[in-house]
Amino acid sequence: MSEIDKQQQETNKKQKEANLNFTKLADVFIAQANKECDKADHQLVNAALLYASARFSAFITASMSESKENFESSVDSAVEFYSEEFIKMLKEHMKQYGYVLEKELKKDA
C-alpha cells in the first residue's frame, strides 16, 4: 500500500469517527428534546431548540471574532452559513421521514 493510500485511509477513518461523534452528540440533544415533549407541547420544544441553536450560533460567531468590528462584519456571512446548513439538514431529514411514512402507509394498506 502506498503512502498516499495510507494517508487517505487514515483520513477516511478520522472522518468516520468525526461523523459518529457528531451523530452521537446530536442524539443527546434529541433524547433530551424527546423527554421534554413528555412535559411540554412538541411545538414549544421545537421552538426552544431553534432558539437555543440560534443563540449558540451567535455565541460561537462572537467568540471566534477578534473584535467587535470583526464580529459585526461577519454577521451576514455567519447567518447565511447557518441558514444554508440548516436548510440542507432539514431537507435531508424531511426526505428520510418521507420514506418512513411511505413504508408505514404501505404496511398499513
Protein backbone atom coordinates (compact mmCIF):
# COMPACT_ATOMS: atom_id res chain seq x y z
CA MET A 1 0.00 0.00 0.00
CA SER A 2 1.40 3.38 -0.98
CA GLU A 3 1.92 6.25 1.45
CA ILE A 4 -0.87 8.18 -0.29
CA ASP A 5 -3.26 5.24 0.17
CA LYS A 6 -2.33 5.03 3.85
CA GLN A 7 -2.93 8.75 4.32
CA GLN A 8 -6.30 8.50 2.55
CA GLN A 9 -7.26 5.53 4.69
CA GLU A 10 -6.34 7.46 7.85
CA THR A 11 -8.28 10.50 6.66
CA ASN A 12 -11.33 8.32 5.95
CA LYS A 13 -11.05 6.74 9.40
CA LYS A 14 -10.87 10.15 11.09
CA GLN A 15 -13.87 11.40 9.06
CA LYS A 16 -15.95 8.36 10.01
CA GLU A 17 -15.06 8.90 13.67
CA ALA A 18 -15.95 12.59 13.46
CA ASN A 19 -19.28 11.72 11.81
CA LEU A 20 -20.04 9.18 14.52
CA ASN A 21 -19.22 11.68 17.28
CA PHE A 22 -21.38 14.30 15.54
CA THR A 23 -24.34 11.92 15.35
CA LYS A 24 -23.92 10.80 18.98
CA LEU A 25 -23.90 14.40 20.17
CA ALA A 26 -26.99 15.23 18.10
CA ASP A 27 -28.70 12.17 19.59
CA VAL A 28 -28.07 13.56 23.10
CA PHE A 29 -29.96 16.74 22.21
CA ILE A 30 -32.75 14.79 20.52
CA ALA A 31 -33.14 12.48 23.52
CA GLN A 32 -33.44 15.50 25.82
CA ALA A 33 -35.97 17.11 23.48
CA ASN A 34 -38.00 13.89 23.44
CA LYS A 35 -38.04 13.89 27.26
CA GLU A 36 -39.18 17.50 27.27
CA CYS A 37 -42.03 16.58 24.90
CA ASP A 38 -43.45 14.45 27.73
CA LYS A 39 -43.89 17.66 29.75
CA ALA A 40 -44.46 20.33 27.12
CA ASP A 41 -46.04 20.83 23.73
CA HIS A 42 -43.91 19.49 20.86
CA GLN A 43 -44.02 22.84 19.06
CA LEU A 44 -42.77 24.63 22.18
CA VAL A 45 -39.86 22.18 22.45
CA ASN A 46 -39.06 22.68 18.76
CA ALA A 47 -39.17 26.47 19.13
CA ALA A 48 -36.90 26.27 22.18
CA LEU A 49 -34.40 24.14 20.24
CA LEU A 50 -34.38 26.62 17.37
CA TYR A 51 -33.91 29.48 19.82
CA ALA A 52 -31.07 27.66 21.58
CA SER A 53 -29.38 26.88 18.28
CA ALA A 54 -29.62 30.49 17.13
CA ARG A 55 -28.34 31.77 20.45
CA PHE A 56 -25.43 29.32 20.49
CA SER A 57 -24.56 30.08 16.87
CA ALA A 58 -24.40 33.79 17.71
CA PHE A 59 -22.19 32.98 20.70
CA ILE A 60 -19.84 30.86 18.56
CA THR A 61 -19.60 33.59 15.93
CA ALA A 62 -18.87 36.22 18.58
CA SER A 63 -16.35 34.06 20.41
CA MET A 64 -14.43 33.43 17.18
CA SER A 65 -14.28 37.14 16.38
CA GLU A 66 -11.14 39.08 17.17
CA SER A 67 -13.01 42.35 17.73
CA LYS A 68 -16.46 43.89 17.76
CA GLU A 69 -15.82 45.24 14.27
CA ASN A 70 -14.77 41.79 13.06
CA PHE A 71 -17.94 40.32 14.61
CA GLU A 72 -20.18 42.93 13.03
CA SER A 73 -18.60 42.44 9.61
CA SER A 74 -19.08 38.66 9.83
CA VAL A 75 -22.74 38.62 10.95
CA ASP A 76 -24.29 38.45 7.48
CA SER A 77 -21.98 35.69 6.27
CA ALA A 78 -22.47 33.73 9.51
CA VAL A 79 -26.27 34.00 9.24
CA GLU A 80 -26.08 32.86 5.63
CA PHE A 81 -23.84 29.92 6.55
CA TYR A 82 -26.01 28.73 9.46
CA SER A 83 -29.20 29.19 7.44
CA GLU A 84 -27.88 27.22 4.47
CA GLU A 85 -26.65 24.40 6.71
CA PHE A 86 -30.00 24.22 8.50
CA ILE A 87 -31.90 24.11 5.21
CA LYS A 88 -29.68 21.30 3.87
CA MET A 89 -30.10 19.25 7.05
CA LEU A 90 -33.84 19.89 7.25
CA LYS A 91 -34.42 18.87 3.63
CA GLU A 92 -32.42 15.67 4.12
CA HIS A 93 -34.38 14.72 7.24
CA MET A 94 -37.71 15.56 5.60
CA LYS A 95 -36.77 13.24 2.74
CA GLN A 96 -35.86 10.47 5.21
CA TYR A 97 -39.15 10.87 7.08
CA GLY A 98 -40.97 10.79 3.74
CA TYR A 99 -39.50 7.34 3.11
CA VAL A 100 -40.51 6.19 6.59
CA LEU A 101 -44.08 7.42 6.14
CA GLU A 102 -44.31 5.81 2.72
CA LYS A 103 -43.25 2.44 4.17
CA GLU A 104 -45.70 2.80 7.06
CA LEU A 105 -48.58 3.62 4.72
CA LYS A 106 -47.79 0.63 2.52
CA LYS A 107 -47.61 -1.61 5.58
CA ASP A 108 -51.00 -0.39 6.83
CA ALA A 109 -52.69 -0.76 3.42
